[in-house]
Amino acid sequence: MSGVVRAAWRLGAAAGGRAGRPLSQAAGGGGGAEAEGGGSGGSGSREAVERLVRAHPVVVFMKGSPAQPLCGFSNAVVQILRLHGVEDYRAHDVLQDPDLRQGIKNYSNWPTIPQVYLNGEFVGGCDILLQMHQNGDLVEELKKLGIRSALLDAEKDQDKK
C-alpha cells in the first residue's frame, strides 16, 4: 500500500469513520453533484467546467459525495477539508457524468480524480492536498479565501491545557 493510500486511510480512521453531511448541506444548500453535474449535453465542455470551477471558492470533483465518498482518495480529501472545518464547498460526483469526468481532466491537464480548486485555481488531487495539510500551506490558502481553519482553534485549545 502506498504512503498516500495509508495516509488516506489513517485520515478516515482519525475522523472516526463518520459519515459526512448530506451533499446538499455540504455544498452550502445550493445544489451539488446531482443538481449541477448531471448528464446534460456539453457538461464536459471547457466552458461548462470553467463555470463549475468558478462557481464557489472551494470546489471538489470527486467520486461519490461528501456524505458517501466512493474511493479512498476522495474520502481523504473530504476528511482533510472536514479537519479544517471547511463545510461550505461544492462537490461534483464525476461518476454521475462521464462527460464531466473527462472534461475536468482535460481542463486541468491532470489525469486523476479527485481534483480540488480554490478560488477557481487548480490545487491538485489527494496527494497535494494531504501535503498542503501536513506542511501548513492549506491553512494559509484557506485564509486567503476568508476561511479560518478549525485547526487553528484546535491548536489554541491545546495551548491552554
Protein backbone atom coordinates (compact mmCIF):
# COMPACT_ATOMS: atom_id res chain seq x y z
CA MET A 1 0.00 0.00 0.00
CA SER A 2 1.46 3.39 -0.96
CA GLY A 3 2.12 6.12 1.60
CA VAL A 4 -0.69 8.29 0.22
CA VAL A 5 -3.20 5.44 0.47
CA ARG A 6 -2.07 4.64 4.01
CA ALA A 7 -2.39 8.33 4.90
CA ALA A 8 -5.84 8.44 3.32
CA TRP A 9 -6.99 5.50 5.41
CA ARG A 10 -5.44 6.98 8.55
CA LEU A 11 -7.29 10.23 7.92
CA GLY A 12 -10.55 8.32 7.59
CA ALA A 13 -9.86 6.43 10.80
CA ALA A 14 -8.75 9.60 12.62
CA ALA A 15 -12.08 11.20 11.87
CA GLY A 16 -13.81 8.18 13.39
CA GLY A 17 -15.10 7.00 10.01
CA ARG A 18 -18.14 9.23 10.47
CA ALA A 19 -20.36 9.87 7.52
CA GLY A 20 -20.30 13.44 6.27
CA ARG A 21 -23.16 15.85 5.95
CA PRO A 22 -25.64 15.33 3.14
CA LEU A 23 -24.33 16.70 -0.16
CA SER A 24 -26.94 19.46 -0.25
CA GLN A 25 -25.70 20.71 3.13
CA ALA A 26 -22.00 20.23 2.39
CA ALA A 27 -22.49 22.15 -0.81
CA GLY A 28 -23.98 25.09 1.04
CA GLY A 29 -27.57 24.06 0.30
CA GLY A 30 -27.44 25.35 -3.26
CA GLY A 31 -27.11 22.17 -5.25
CA GLY A 32 -24.21 19.81 -5.61
CA ALA A 33 -23.18 16.90 -7.73
CA GLU A 34 -26.67 15.78 -8.61
CA ALA A 35 -28.03 19.26 -9.17
CA GLU A 36 -25.05 20.73 -11.01
CA GLY A 37 -23.22 17.95 -12.82
CA GLY A 38 -25.84 15.58 -14.05
CA GLY A 39 -25.80 14.19 -17.55
CA SER A 40 -26.74 17.19 -19.68
CA GLY A 41 -25.05 17.53 -23.05
CA GLY A 42 -21.97 19.68 -23.00
CA SER A 43 -21.28 19.22 -19.28
CA GLY A 44 -17.70 18.32 -20.12
CA SER A 45 -17.05 21.32 -22.34
CA ARG A 46 -14.33 23.71 -21.25
CA GLU A 47 -16.90 26.48 -20.71
CA ALA A 48 -19.18 24.27 -18.60
CA VAL A 49 -16.27 23.05 -16.47
CA GLU A 50 -14.99 26.60 -16.03
CA ARG A 51 -18.42 27.70 -14.77
CA LEU A 52 -18.38 24.89 -12.17
CA VAL A 53 -14.80 25.63 -11.09
CA ARG A 54 -15.56 29.33 -10.60
CA ALA A 55 -19.00 28.88 -9.01
CA HIS A 56 -17.64 28.72 -5.45
CA PRO A 57 -14.39 29.43 -3.58
CA VAL A 58 -13.88 25.70 -2.81
CA VAL A 59 -14.81 23.13 -5.46
CA VAL A 60 -14.08 19.40 -5.41
CA PHE A 61 -14.54 16.97 -8.29
CA MET A 62 -14.72 13.56 -6.68
CA LYS A 63 -16.04 10.04 -6.90
CA GLY A 64 -19.20 9.94 -4.82
CA SER A 65 -20.38 12.67 -2.49
CA PRO A 66 -19.01 14.15 0.75
CA ALA A 67 -21.57 12.08 2.62
CA GLN A 68 -20.59 8.93 0.74
CA PRO A 69 -17.20 9.06 -1.00
CA LEU A 70 -16.73 6.14 -3.36
CA CYS A 71 -12.93 5.91 -3.31
CA GLY A 72 -10.26 6.28 -0.65
CA PHE A 73 -8.68 9.32 -2.26
CA SER A 74 -12.00 11.20 -2.48
CA ASN A 75 -12.65 10.23 1.14
CA ALA A 76 -9.24 11.60 2.16
CA VAL A 77 -10.00 14.96 0.51
CA VAL A 78 -13.34 15.15 2.33
CA GLN A 79 -11.66 14.27 5.64
CA ILE A 80 -8.91 16.88 5.17
CA LEU A 81 -11.50 19.57 4.44
CA ARG A 82 -13.52 18.41 7.45
CA LEU A 83 -10.44 18.57 9.73
CA HIS A 84 -10.05 22.21 8.70
CA GLY A 85 -13.75 22.89 9.31
CA VAL A 86 -14.49 23.53 5.62
CA GLU A 87 -18.11 22.50 5.20
CA ASP A 88 -19.28 25.05 2.65
CA TYR A 89 -17.95 23.78 -0.66
CA ARG A 90 -19.23 22.50 -3.97
CA ALA A 91 -18.75 18.80 -4.67
CA HIS A 92 -19.35 17.25 -8.07
CA ASP A 93 -19.68 13.48 -8.43
CA VAL A 94 -17.88 12.65 -11.67
CA LEU A 95 -19.26 9.11 -11.61
CA GLN A 96 -22.69 10.58 -12.37
CA ASP A 97 -21.46 12.26 -15.55
CA PRO A 98 -18.80 10.68 -17.81
CA ASP A 99 -18.55 13.89 -19.89
CA LEU A 100 -17.76 15.91 -16.77
CA ARG A 101 -15.29 13.25 -15.60
CA GLN A 102 -13.30 13.57 -18.83
CA GLY A 103 -13.89 17.31 -19.14
CA ILE A 104 -12.36 18.12 -15.75
CA LYS A 105 -9.30 16.01 -16.58
CA ASN A 106 -8.88 17.90 -19.86
CA TYR A 107 -9.46 21.26 -18.18
CA SER A 108 -6.77 20.75 -15.54
CA ASN A 109 -4.48 18.57 -17.63
CA TRP A 110 -4.46 16.29 -14.57
CA PRO A 111 -5.33 12.62 -15.14
CA THR A 112 -6.84 11.65 -11.80
CA ILE A 113 -9.84 12.30 -9.58
CA PRO A 114 -10.35 13.87 -7.03
CA GLN A 115 -9.43 17.39 -8.05
CA VAL A 116 -9.56 20.39 -5.73
CA TYR A 117 -9.97 24.02 -6.84
CA LEU A 118 -9.53 27.04 -4.57
CA ASN A 119 -10.81 30.35 -5.90
CA GLY A 120 -11.01 28.95 -9.42
CA GLU A 121 -7.42 27.69 -9.40
CA PHE A 122 -6.49 24.02 -9.63
CA VAL A 123 -4.67 22.95 -6.47
CA GLY A 124 -4.21 19.24 -7.15
CA GLY A 125 -5.51 15.89 -6.03
CA CYS A 126 -5.46 13.98 -2.78
CA ASP A 127 -1.68 13.77 -2.56
CA ILE A 128 -1.18 17.52 -2.99
CA LEU A 129 -3.97 18.42 -0.55
CA LEU A 130 -2.52 15.99 2.00
CA GLN A 131 0.92 17.55 1.60
CA MET A 132 -0.55 21.05 1.99
CA HIS A 133 -2.38 19.90 5.11
CA GLN A 134 0.79 18.42 6.59
CA ASN A 135 3.07 21.39 5.89
CA GLY A 136 0.56 24.10 6.87
CA ASP A 137 0.06 25.56 3.39
CA LEU A 138 -3.63 24.65 3.38
CA VAL A 139 -4.26 26.85 6.43
CA GLU A 140 -2.68 29.77 4.56
CA GLU A 141 -4.58 29.10 1.31
CA LEU A 142 -7.88 28.89 3.19
CA LYS A 143 -7.06 32.16 4.96
CA LYS A 144 -6.72 33.84 1.53
CA LEU A 145 -10.31 32.74 0.86
CA GLY A 146 -11.51 34.18 4.16
CA ILE A 147 -11.83 30.71 5.71
CA ARG A 148 -10.33 30.21 9.15
CA SER A 149 -9.05 26.66 9.56
CA ALA A 150 -10.54 24.83 12.52
CA LEU A 151 -7.04 23.51 13.21
CA LEU A 152 -6.00 26.99 14.36
CA ASP A 153 -8.69 26.84 17.04
CA ALA A 154 -7.63 23.30 17.98
CA GLU A 155 -4.02 24.49 18.43
CA LYS A 156 -5.23 27.37 20.61
CA ASP A 157 -7.22 24.92 22.77
CA GLN A 158 -4.12 22.70 23.14
CA ASP A 159 -2.01 25.69 24.22
CA LYS A 160 -4.47 26.44 27.05
CA LYS A 161 -4.03 22.96 28.55
